[in-house]
């Protein structure tokens, strides 16, 4: 009789542990979800790092190269030098 009780107790403990493994905190489902979230966040971080590198390059260029400053002023602010003539072409 005591063997049956022990066997039943061990079976109940096994079922409880399996239930927690599949559905509780730290379950396989939660771990899989967290790994998926981590992979997505790593992709976002990688994209942001590439964007930051481009911006750092642009800042270095603007700090060190007068031609890049002039190009930026011409494109963004419409810079025209005193000896240049501005022509505006209007399309119909």
PDB file of N, CA and C in Angstrom:
ATOM      1  N   UNK A   1       0.804  -1.191   0.000  1.00  0.00           N
ATOM      2  CA  UNK A   1       0.000   0.000   0.000  1.00  0.00           C
ATOM      3  C   UNK A   1       0.853   1.264   0.000  1.00  0.00           C
ATOM      4  N   UNK A   2       1.955   1.242   0.711  1.00  0.00           N
ATOM      5  CA  UNK A   2       2.806   2.423   0.762  1.00  0.00           C
ATOM      6  C   UNK A   2       3.514   2.647  -0.570  1.00  0.00           C
ATOM      7  N   UNK A   3       3.780   1.574  -1.301  1.00  0.00           N
ATOM      8  CA  UNK A   3       4.394   1.734  -2.625  1.00  0.00           C
ATOM      9  C   UNK A   3       3.428   2.438  -3.570  1.00  0.00           C
ATOM     10  N   UNK A   4       2.168   2.102  -3.481  1.00  0.00           N
ATOM     11  CA  UNK A   4       1.178   2.765  -4.339  1.00  0.00           C
ATOM     12  C   UNK A   4       1.075   4.246  -3.994  1.00  0.00           C
ATOM     13  N   UNK A   5       1.091   4.553  -2.702  1.00  0.00           N
ATOM     14  CA  UNK A   5       1.042   5.967  -2.283  1.00  0.00           C
ATOM     15  C   UNK A   5       2.283   6.715  -2.766  1.00  0.00           C
ATOM     16  N   UNK A   6       3.419   6.099  -2.617  1.00  0.00           N
ATOM     17  CA  UNK A   6       4.657   6.722  -3.082  1.00  0.00           C
ATOM     18  C   UNK A   6       4.623   6.909  -4.589  1.00  0.00           C
ATOM     19  N   UNK A   7       4.171   5.895  -5.302  1.00  0.00           N
ATOM     20  CA  UNK A   7       4.059   5.991  -6.749  1.00  0.00           C
ATOM     21  C   UNK A   7       3.070   7.088  -7.152  1.00  0.00           C
ATOM     22  N   UNK A   8       1.946   7.174  -6.475  1.00  0.00           N
ATOM     23  CA  UNK A   8       0.948   8.199  -6.741  1.00  0.00           C
ATOM     24  C   UNK A   8       1.509   9.588  -6.438  1.00  0.00           C
ATOM     25  N   UNK A   9       2.225   9.721  -5.329  1.00  0.00           N
ATOM     26  CA  UNK A   9       2.848  10.998  -4.971  1.00  0.00           C
ATOM     27  C   UNK A   9       3.869  11.430  -6.017  1.00  0.00           C
ATOM     28  N   UNK A  10       4.701  10.507  -6.449  1.00  0.00           N
ATOM     29  CA  UNK A  10       5.690  10.819  -7.484  1.00  0.00           C
ATOM     30  C   UNK A  10       5.020  11.192  -8.807  1.00  0.00           C
ATOM     31  N   UNK A  11       3.932  10.523  -9.116  1.00  0.00           N
ATOM     32  CA  UNK A  11       3.187  10.841 -10.335  1.00  0.00           C
ATOM     33  C   UNK A  11       2.577  12.242 -10.260  1.00  0.00           C
ATOM     34  N   UNK A  12       2.019  12.591  -9.124  1.00  0.00           N
ATOM     35  CA  UNK A  12       1.451  13.935  -8.934  1.00  0.00           C
ATOM     36  C   UNK A  12       2.552  14.992  -9.053  1.00  0.00           C
ATOM     37  N   UNK A  13       3.692  14.745  -8.430  1.00  0.00           N
ATOM     38  CA  UNK A  13       4.814  15.692  -8.525  1.00  0.00           C
ATOM     39  C   UNK A  13       5.272  15.830  -9.970  1.00  0.00           C
ATOM     40  N   UNK A  14       5.355  14.727 -10.683  1.00  0.00           N
ATOM     41  CA  UNK A  14       5.757  14.771 -12.093  1.00  0.00           C
ATOM     42  C   UNK A  14       4.774  15.589 -12.917  1.00  0.00           C
ATOM     43  N   UNK A  15       3.488  15.396 -12.697  1.00  0.00           N
ATOM     44  CA  UNK A  15       2.468  16.148 -13.438  1.00  0.00           C
ATOM     45  C   UNK A  15       2.578  17.630 -13.121  1.00  0.00           C
ATOM     46  N   UNK A  16       2.766  17.986 -11.856  1.00  0.00           N
ATOM     47  CA  UNK A  16       2.899  19.399 -11.478  1.00  0.00           C
ATOM     48  C   UNK A  16       4.135  20.030 -12.122  1.00  0.00           C
ATOM     49  N   UNK A  17       5.243  19.302 -12.121  1.00  0.00           N
ATOM     50  CA  UNK A  17       6.462  19.831 -12.742  1.00  0.00           C
ATOM     51  C   UNK A  17       6.282  19.998 -14.251  1.00  0.00           C
ATOM     52  N   UNK A  18       5.643  19.036 -14.891  1.00  0.00           N
ATOM     53  CA  UNK A  18       5.398  19.145 -16.329  1.00  0.00           C
ATOM     54  C   UNK A  18       4.467  20.319 -16.636  1.00  0.00           C
ATOM     55  N   UNK A  19       3.452  20.504 -15.810  1.00  0.00           N
ATOM     56  CA  UNK A  19       2.517  21.608 -16.007  1.00  0.00           C
ATOM     57  C   UNK A  19       3.258  22.938 -15.925  1.00  0.00           C
ATOM     58  N   UNK A  20       4.117  23.070 -14.935  1.00  0.00           N
ATOM     59  CA  UNK A  20       4.889  24.318 -14.796  1.00  0.00           C
ATOM     60  C   UNK A  20       5.861  24.495 -15.959  1.00  0.00           C
ATOM     61  N   UNK A  21       6.444  23.409 -16.420  1.00  0.00           N
ATOM     62  CA  UNK A  21       7.384  23.473 -17.533  1.00  0.00           C
ATOM     63  C   UNK A  21       6.721  23.995 -18.795  1.00  0.00           C
ATOM     64  N   UNK A  22       5.497  23.606 -19.045  1.00  0.00           N
ATOM     65  CA  UNK A  22       4.825  23.981 -20.284  1.00  0.00           C
ATOM     66  C   UNK A  22       3.997  25.249 -20.170  1.00  0.00           C
ATOM     67  N   UNK A  23       3.535  25.640 -18.991  1.00  0.00           N
ATOM     68  CA  UNK A  23       2.616  26.776 -18.903  1.00  0.00           C
ATOM     69  C   UNK A  23       3.039  27.855 -17.921  1.00  0.00           C
ATOM     70  N   UNK A  24       3.870  27.607 -16.954  1.00  0.00           N
ATOM     71  CA  UNK A  24       4.174  28.574 -15.904  1.00  0.00           C
ATOM     72  C   UNK A  24       5.227  29.583 -16.312  1.00  0.00           C
ATOM     73  N   UNK A  25       5.656  30.352 -15.327  1.00  0.00           N
ATOM     74  CA  UNK A  25       6.720  31.327 -15.535  1.00  0.00           C
ATOM     75  C   UNK A  25       8.003  30.583 -15.887  1.00  0.00           C
ATOM     76  N   UNK A  26       8.656  31.025 -16.941  1.00  0.00           N
ATOM     77  CA  UNK A  26       9.858  30.348 -17.398  1.00  0.00           C
ATOM     78  C   UNK A  26       9.562  29.112 -18.222  1.00  0.00           C
ATOM     79  N   UNK A  27       8.360  29.017 -18.737  1.00  0.00           N
ATOM     80  CA  UNK A  27       7.971  27.848 -19.528  1.00  0.00           C
ATOM     81  C   UNK A  27       8.643  27.886 -20.898  1.00  0.00           C
ATOM     82  N   UNK A  28       8.551  26.773 -21.607  1.00  0.00           N
ATOM     83  CA  UNK A  28       9.134  26.700 -22.947  1.00  0.00           C
ATOM     84  C   UNK A  28       8.510  27.739 -23.866  1.00  0.00           C
ATOM     85  N   UNK A  29       7.210  27.924 -23.731  1.00  0.00           N
ATOM     86  CA  UNK A  29       6.519  28.899 -24.570  1.00  0.00           C
ATOM     87  C   UNK A  29       7.032  30.308 -24.312  1.00  0.00           C
ATOM     88  N   UNK A  30       7.216  30.658 -23.049  1.00  0.00           N
ATOM     89  CA  UNK A  30       7.712  31.983 -22.708  1.00  0.00           C
ATOM     90  C   UNK A  30       9.159  32.163 -23.175  1.00  0.00           C
ATOM     91  N   UNK A  31       9.969  31.158 -23.016  1.00  0.00           N
ATOM     92  CA  UNK A  31      11.368  31.237 -23.449  1.00  0.00           C
ATOM     93  C   UNK A  31      11.446  31.417 -24.957  1.00  0.00           C
ATOM     94  N   UNK A  32      10.627  30.685 -25.695  1.00  0.00           N
ATOM     95  CA  UNK A  32      10.597  30.818 -27.154  1.00  0.00           C
ATOM     96  C   UNK A  32      10.160  32.219 -27.555  1.00  0.00           C
ATOM     97  N   UNK A  33       9.165  32.743 -26.888  1.00  0.00           N
ATOM     98  CA  UNK A  33       8.684  34.092 -27.169  1.00  0.00           C
ATOM     99  C   UNK A  33       9.768  35.130 -26.883  1.00  0.00           C
ATOM    100  N   UNK A  34      10.467  34.976 -25.776  1.00  0.00           N
ATOM    101  CA  UNK A  34      11.538  35.912 -25.429  1.00  0.00           C
ATOM    102  C   UNK A  34      12.689  35.840 -26.431  1.00  0.00           C
ATOM    103  N   UNK A  35      13.018  34.649 -26.873  1.00  0.00           N
ATOM    104  CA  UNK A  35      14.087  34.517 -27.879  1.00  0.00           C
ATOM    105  C   UNK A  35      13.699  35.193 -29.182  1.00  0.00           C
ATOM    106  N   UNK A  36      12.427  35.070 -29.561  1.00  0.00           N
ATOM    107  CA  UNK A  36      11.935  35.733 -30.767  1.00  0.00           C
ATOM    108  C   UNK A  36      12.004  37.259 -30.603  1.00  0.00           C
ATOM    109  N   UNK A  37      11.607  37.749 -29.425  1.00  0.00           N
ATOM    110  CA  UNK A  37      11.678  39.188 -29.161  1.00  0.00           C
ATOM    111  C   UNK A  37      13.115  39.690 -29.182  1.00  0.00           C
ATOM    112  N   UNK A  38      14.025  38.906 -28.647  1.00  0.00           N
ATOM    113  CA  UNK A  38      15.448  39.286 -28.647  1.00  0.00           C
ATOM    114  C   UNK A  38      15.982  39.360 -30.067  1.00  0.00           C
ATOM    115  N   UNK A  39      15.619  38.409 -30.900  1.00  0.00           N
ATOM    116  CA  UNK A  39      16.079  38.425 -32.295  1.00  0.00           C
ATOM    117  C   UNK A  39      15.546  39.651 -33.026  1.00  0.00           C
ATOM    118  N   UNK A  40      14.287  40.002 -32.793  1.00  0.00           N
ATOM    119  CA  UNK A  40      13.723  41.195 -33.425  1.00  0.00           C
ATOM    120  C   UNK A  40      14.434  42.452 -32.941  1.00  0.00           C
ATOM    121  N   UNK A  41      14.709  42.524 -31.644  1.00  0.00           N
ATOM    122  CA  UNK A  41      15.378  43.710 -31.098  1.00  0.00           C
ATOM    123  C   UNK A  41      16.806  43.820 -31.615  1.00  0.00           C
ATOM    124  N   UNK A  42      17.488  42.691 -31.786  1.00  0.00           N
ATOM    125  CA  UNK A  42      18.846  42.727 -32.353  1.00  0.00           C
ATOM    126  C   UNK A  42      18.824  43.284 -33.770  1.00  0.00           C
ATOM    127  N   UNK A  43      17.812  42.927 -34.556  1.00  0.00           N
ATOM    128  CA  UNK A  43      17.681  43.449 -35.922  1.00  0.00           C
ATOM    129  C   UNK A  43      17.455  44.962 -35.887  1.00  0.00           C
ATOM    130  N   UNK A  44      16.587  45.423 -34.997  1.00  0.00           N
ATOM    131  CA  UNK A  44      16.340  46.860 -34.865  1.00  0.00           C
ATOM    132  C   UNK A  44      17.622  47.574 -34.452  1.00  0.00           C
ATOM    133  N   UNK A  45      18.342  47.011 -33.489  1.00  0.00           N
ATOM    134  CA  UNK A  45      19.591  47.617 -33.031  1.00  0.00           C
ATOM    135  C   UNK A  45      20.622  47.680 -34.155  1.00  0.00           C
ATOM    136  N   UNK A  46      20.696  46.636 -34.961  1.00  0.00           N
ATOM    137  CA  UNK A  46      21.639  46.607 -36.083  1.00  0.00           C
ATOM    138  C   UNK A  46      21.309  47.717 -37.087  1.00  0.00           C
ATOM    139  N   UNK A  47      20.024  47.868 -37.398  1.00  0.00           N
ATOM    140  CA  UNK A  47      19.606  48.921 -38.318  1.00  0.00           C
ATOM    141  C   UNK A  47      19.931  50.302 -37.755  1.00  0.00           C
ATOM    142  N   UNK A  48      19.707  50.497 -36.462  1.00  0.00           N
ATOM    143  CA  UNK A  48      20.007  51.788 -35.841  1.00  0.00           C
ATOM    144  C   UNK A  48      21.514  52.045 -35.787  1.00  0.00           C
ATOM    145  N   UNK A  49      22.301  51.002 -35.581  1.00  0.00           N
ATOM    146  CA  UNK A  49      23.758  51.174 -35.590  1.00  0.00           C
ATOM    147  C   UNK A  49      24.254  51.592 -36.970  1.00  0.00           C
ATOM    148  N   UNK A  50      23.691  51.003 -38.029  1.00  0.00           N
ATOM    149  CA  UNK A  50      24.076  51.409 -39.388  1.00  0.00           C
ATOM    150  C   UNK A  50      23.699  52.862 -39.643  1.00  0.00           C
ATOM    151  N   UNK A  51      22.516  53.258 -39.200  1.00  0.00           N
ATOM    152  CA  UNK A  51      22.076  54.651 -39.357  1.00  0.00           C
ATOM    153  C   UNK A  51      23.011  55.590 -38.587  1.00  0.00           C
ATOM    154  N   UNK A  52      23.385  55.207 -37.371  1.00  0.00           N
ATOM    155  CA  UNK A  52      24.294  56.030 -36.574  1.00  0.00           C
ATOM    156  C   UNK A  52      25.642  56.188 -37.260  1.00  0.00           C
ATOM    157  N   UNK A  53      26.154  55.105 -37.841  1.00  0.00           N
ATOM    158  CA  UNK A  53      27.440  55.181 -38.535  1.00  0.00           C
ATOM    159  C   UNK A  53      27.371  56.150 -39.722  1.00  0.00           C
ATOM    160  N   UNK A  54      26.255  56.100 -40.473  1.00  0.00           N
ATOM    161  CA  UNK A  54      26.103  57.047 -41.579  1.00  0.00           C
ATOM    162  C   UNK A  54      26.078  58.482 -41.071  1.00  0.00           C
ATOM    163  N   UNK A  55      25.361  58.705 -39.986  1.00  0.00           N
ATOM    164  CA  UNK A  55      25.279  60.058 -39.427  1.00  0.00           C
ATOM    165  C   UNK A  55      26.625  60.521 -38.880  1.00  0.00           C
ATOM    166  N   UNK A  56      27.364  59.621 -38.222  1.00  0.00           N
ATOM    167  CA  UNK A  56      28.701  59.979 -37.739  1.00  0.00           C
ATOM    168  C   UNK A  56      29.614  60.343 -38.907  1.00  0.00           C
ATOM    169  N   UNK A  57      29.519  59.598 -39.996  1.00  0.00           N
ATOM    170  CA  UNK A  57      30.318  59.916 -41.181  1.00  0.00           C
ATOM    171  C   UNK A  57      29.963  61.277 -41.749  1.00  0.00           C
ATOM    172  N   UNK A  58      28.678  61.576 -41.784  1.00  0.00           N
ATOM    173  CA  UNK A  58      28.247  62.883 -42.284  1.00  0.00           C
ATOM    174  C   UNK A  58      28.738  64.006 -41.376  1.00  0.00           C
ATOM    175  N   UNK A  59      28.685  63.802 -40.071  1.00  0.00           N
ATOM    176  CA  UNK A  59      29.166  64.822 -39.124  1.00  0.00           C
ATOM    177  C   UNK A  59      30.669  65.024 -39.287  1.00  0.00           C
ATOM    178  N   UNK A  60      31.426  63.926 -39.403  1.00  0.00           N
ATOM    179  CA  UNK A  60      32.880  64.051 -39.609  1.00  0.00           C
ATOM    180  C   UNK A  60      33.177  64.801 -40.897  1.00  0.00           C
ATOM    181  N   UNK A  61      32.415  64.502 -41.946  1.00  0.00           N
ATOM    182  CA  UNK A  61      32.606  65.177 -43.223  1.00  0.00           C
ATOM    183  C   UNK A  61      32.319  66.660 -43.097  1.00  0.00           C
ATOM    184  N   UNK A  62      31.256  67.013 -42.414  1.00  0.00           N
ATOM    185  CA  UNK A  62      30.908  68.424 -42.258  1.00  0.00           C
ATOM    186  C   UNK A  62      31.914  69.162 -41.381  1.00  0.00           C
ATOM    187  N   UNK A  63      32.509  68.475 -40.430  1.00  0.00           N
ATOM    188  CA  UNK A  63      33.495  69.113 -39.566  1.00  0.00           C
ATOM    189  C   UNK A  63      34.823  69.342 -40.278  1.00  0.00           C
ATOM    190  N   UNK A  64      35.181  68.460 -41.211  1.00  0.00           N
ATOM    191  CA  UNK A  64      36.531  68.490 -41.777  1.00  0.00           C
ATOM    192  C   UNK A  64      36.601  68.962 -43.228  1.00  0.00           C
ATOM    193  N   UNK A  65      35.514  68.918 -43.964  1.00  0.00           N
ATOM    194  CA  UNK A  65      35.572  69.160 -45.406  1.00  0.00           C
ATOM    195  C   UNK A  65      34.676  70.336 -45.783  1.00  0.00           C
ATOM    196  N   UNK A  66      35.289  71.416 -46.286  1.00  0.00           N
ATOM    197  CA  UNK A  66      34.517  72.599 -46.667  1.00  0.00           C
ATOM    198  C   UNK A  66      33.627  72.332 -47.876  1.00  0.00           C
ATOM    199  N   UNK A  67      34.050  71.447 -48.768  1.00  0.00           N
ATOM    200  CA  UNK A  67      33.232  71.133 -49.940  1.00  0.00           C
ATOM    201  C   UNK A  67      31.900  70.489 -49.531  1.00  0.00           C
ATOM    202  N   UNK A  68      31.929  69.648 -48.526  1.00  0.00           N
ATOM    203  CA  UNK A  68      30.676  69.031 -48.092  1.00  0.00           C
ATOM    204  C   UNK A  68      29.758  70.061 -47.441  1.00  0.00           C
ATOM    205  N   UNK A  69      30.338  71.038 -46.760  1.00  0.00           N
ATOM    206  CA  UNK A  69      29.524  72.110 -46.176  1.00  0.00           C
ATOM    207  C   UNK A  69      28.878  72.932 -47.282  1.00  0.00           C
ATOM    208  N   UNK A  70      29.656  73.248 -48.315  1.00  0.00           N
ATOM    209  CA  UNK A  70      29.107  74.012 -49.441  1.00  0.00           C
ATOM    210  C   UNK A  70      28.011  73.220 -50.159  1.00  0.00           C
ATOM    211  N   UNK A  71      28.239  71.943 -50.379  1.00  0.00           N
ATOM    212  CA  UNK A  71      27.234  71.115 -51.035  1.00  0.00           C
ATOM    213  C   UNK A  71      25.949  71.084 -50.227  1.00  0.00           C
ATOM    214  N   UNK A  72      26.085  70.942 -48.929  1.00  0.00           N
ATOM    215  CA  UNK A  72      24.899  70.917 -48.057  1.00  0.00           C
ATOM    216  C   UNK A  72      24.167  72.252 -48.108  1.00  0.00           C
ATOM    217  N   UNK A  73      24.903  73.344 -48.110  1.00  0.00           N
ATOM    218  CA  UNK A  73      24.280  74.668 -48.167  1.00  0.00           C
ATOM    219  C   UNK A  73      23.583  74.884 -49.513  1.00  0.00           C
ATOM    220  N   UNK A  74      24.171  74.412 -50.600  1.00  0.00           N
ATOM    221  CA  UNK A  74      23.546  74.558 -51.920  1.00  0.00           C
ATOM    222  C   UNK A  74      22.255  73.736 -52.014  1.00  0.00           C
ATOM    223  N   UNK A  75      22.308  72.495 -51.546  1.00  0.00           N
ATOM    224  CA  UNK A  75      21.145  71.606 -51.665  1.00  0.00           C
ATOM    225  C   UNK A  75      20.028  71.963 -50.695  1.00  0.00           C
ATOM    226  N   UNK A  76      20.384  72.249 -49.452  1.00  0.00           N
ATOM    227  CA  UNK A  76      19.359  72.442 -48.427  1.00  0.00           C
ATOM    228  C   UNK A  76      18.895  73.890 -48.288  1.00  0.00           C
ATOM    229  N   UNK A  77      19.800  74.841 -48.555  1.00  0.00           N
ATOM    230  CA  UNK A  77      19.453  76.238 -48.304  1.00  0.00           C
ATOM    231  C   UNK A  77      19.493  77.120 -49.553  1.00  0.00           C
ATOM    232  N   UNK A  78      19.814  76.546 -50.695  1.00  0.00           N
ATOM    233  CA  UNK A  78      19.810  77.313 -51.935  1.00  0.00           C
ATOM    234  C   UNK A  78      20.954  78.311 -52.051  1.00  0.00           C
ATOM    235  N   UNK A  79      22.133  77.965 -51.572  1.00  0.00           N
ATOM    236  CA  UNK A  79      23.290  78.854 -51.637  1.00  0.00           C
ATOM    237  C   UNK A  79      23.660  79.156 -53.083  1.00  0.00           C
ATOM    238  N   UNK A  80      23.892  80.447 -53.376  1.00  0.00           N
ATOM    239  CA  UNK A  80      24.379  80.892 -54.687  1.00  0.00           C
ATOM    240  C   UNK A  80      25.548  81.823 -54.416  1.00  0.00           C
ATOM    241  N   UNK A  81      26.675  81.562 -55.069  1.00  0.00           N
ATOM    242  CA  UNK A  81      27.836  82.439 -54.891  1.00  0.00           C
ATOM    243  C   UNK A  81      27.617  83.737 -55.654  1.00  0.00           C
ATOM    244  N   UNK A  82      28.412  84.730 -55.309  1.00  0.00           N
ATOM    245  CA  UNK A  82      28.209  86.068 -55.896  1.00  0.00           C
ATOM    246  C   UNK A  82      28.477  86.092 -57.397  1.00  0.00           C
ATOM    247  N   UNK A  83      29.328  85.259 -57.926  1.00  0.00           N
ATOM    248  CA  UNK A  83      29.634  85.280 -59.360  1.00  0.00           C
ATOM    249  C   UNK A  83      28.812  84.249 -60.149  1.00  0.00           C
ATOM    250  N   UNK A  84      27.804  83.652 -59.551  1.00  0.00           N
ATOM    251  CA  UNK A  84      26.976  82.660 -60.214  1.00  0.00           C
ATOM    252  C   UNK A  84      25.609  83.251 -60.552  1.00  0.00           C
ATOM    253  N   UNK A  85      24.984  82.677 -61.577  1.00  0.00           N
ATOM    254  CA  UNK A  85      23.636  83.079 -61.968  1.00  0.00           C
ATOM    255  C   UNK A  85      22.706  81.904 -61.687  1.00  0.00           C
ATOM    256  N   UNK A  86      21.591  82.208 -61.078  1.00  0.00           N
ATOM    257  CA  UNK A  86      20.629  81.181 -60.712  1.00  0.00           C
ATOM    258  C   UNK A  86      19.564  81.063 -61.798  1.00  0.00           C
ATOM    259  N   UNK A  87      19.317  79.871 -62.287  1.00  0.00           N
ATOM    260  CA  UNK A  87      18.260  79.608 -63.263  1.00  0.00           C
ATOM    261  C   UNK A  87      17.266  78.617 -62.644  1.00  0.00           C
ATOM    262  N   UNK A  88      16.017  78.960 -62.722  1.00  0.00           N
ATOM    263  CA  UNK A  88      14.965  78.078 -62.244  1.00  0.00           C
ATOM    264  C   UNK A  88      14.207  77.539 -63.428  1.00  0.00           C
ATOM    265  N   UNK A  89      14.197  76.237 -63.592  1.00  0.00           N
ATOM    266  CA  UNK A  89      13.499  75.601 -64.715  1.00  0.00           C
ATOM    267  C   UNK A  89      12.179  75.086 -64.192  1.00  0.00           C
ATOM    268  N   UNK A  90      11.098  75.591 -64.763  1.00  0.00           N
ATOM    269  CA  UNK A  90       9.766  75.210 -64.327  1.00  0.00           C
ATOM    270  C   UNK A  90       9.183  74.234 -65.348  1.00  0.00           C
ATOM    271  N   UNK A  91       8.751  73.086 -64.870  1.00  0.00           N
ATOM    272  CA  UNK A  91       8.129  72.119 -65.771  1.00  0.00           C
ATOM    273  C   UNK A  91       6.620  72.340 -65.792  1.00  0.00           C
ATOM    274  N   UNK A  92       6.027  72.087 -66.949  1.00  0.00           N
ATOM    275  CA  UNK A  92       4.583  72.299 -67.080  1.00  0.00           C
ATOM    276  C   UNK A  92       3.802  71.173 -66.482  1.00  0.00           C
TER     277      UNK A  92
END
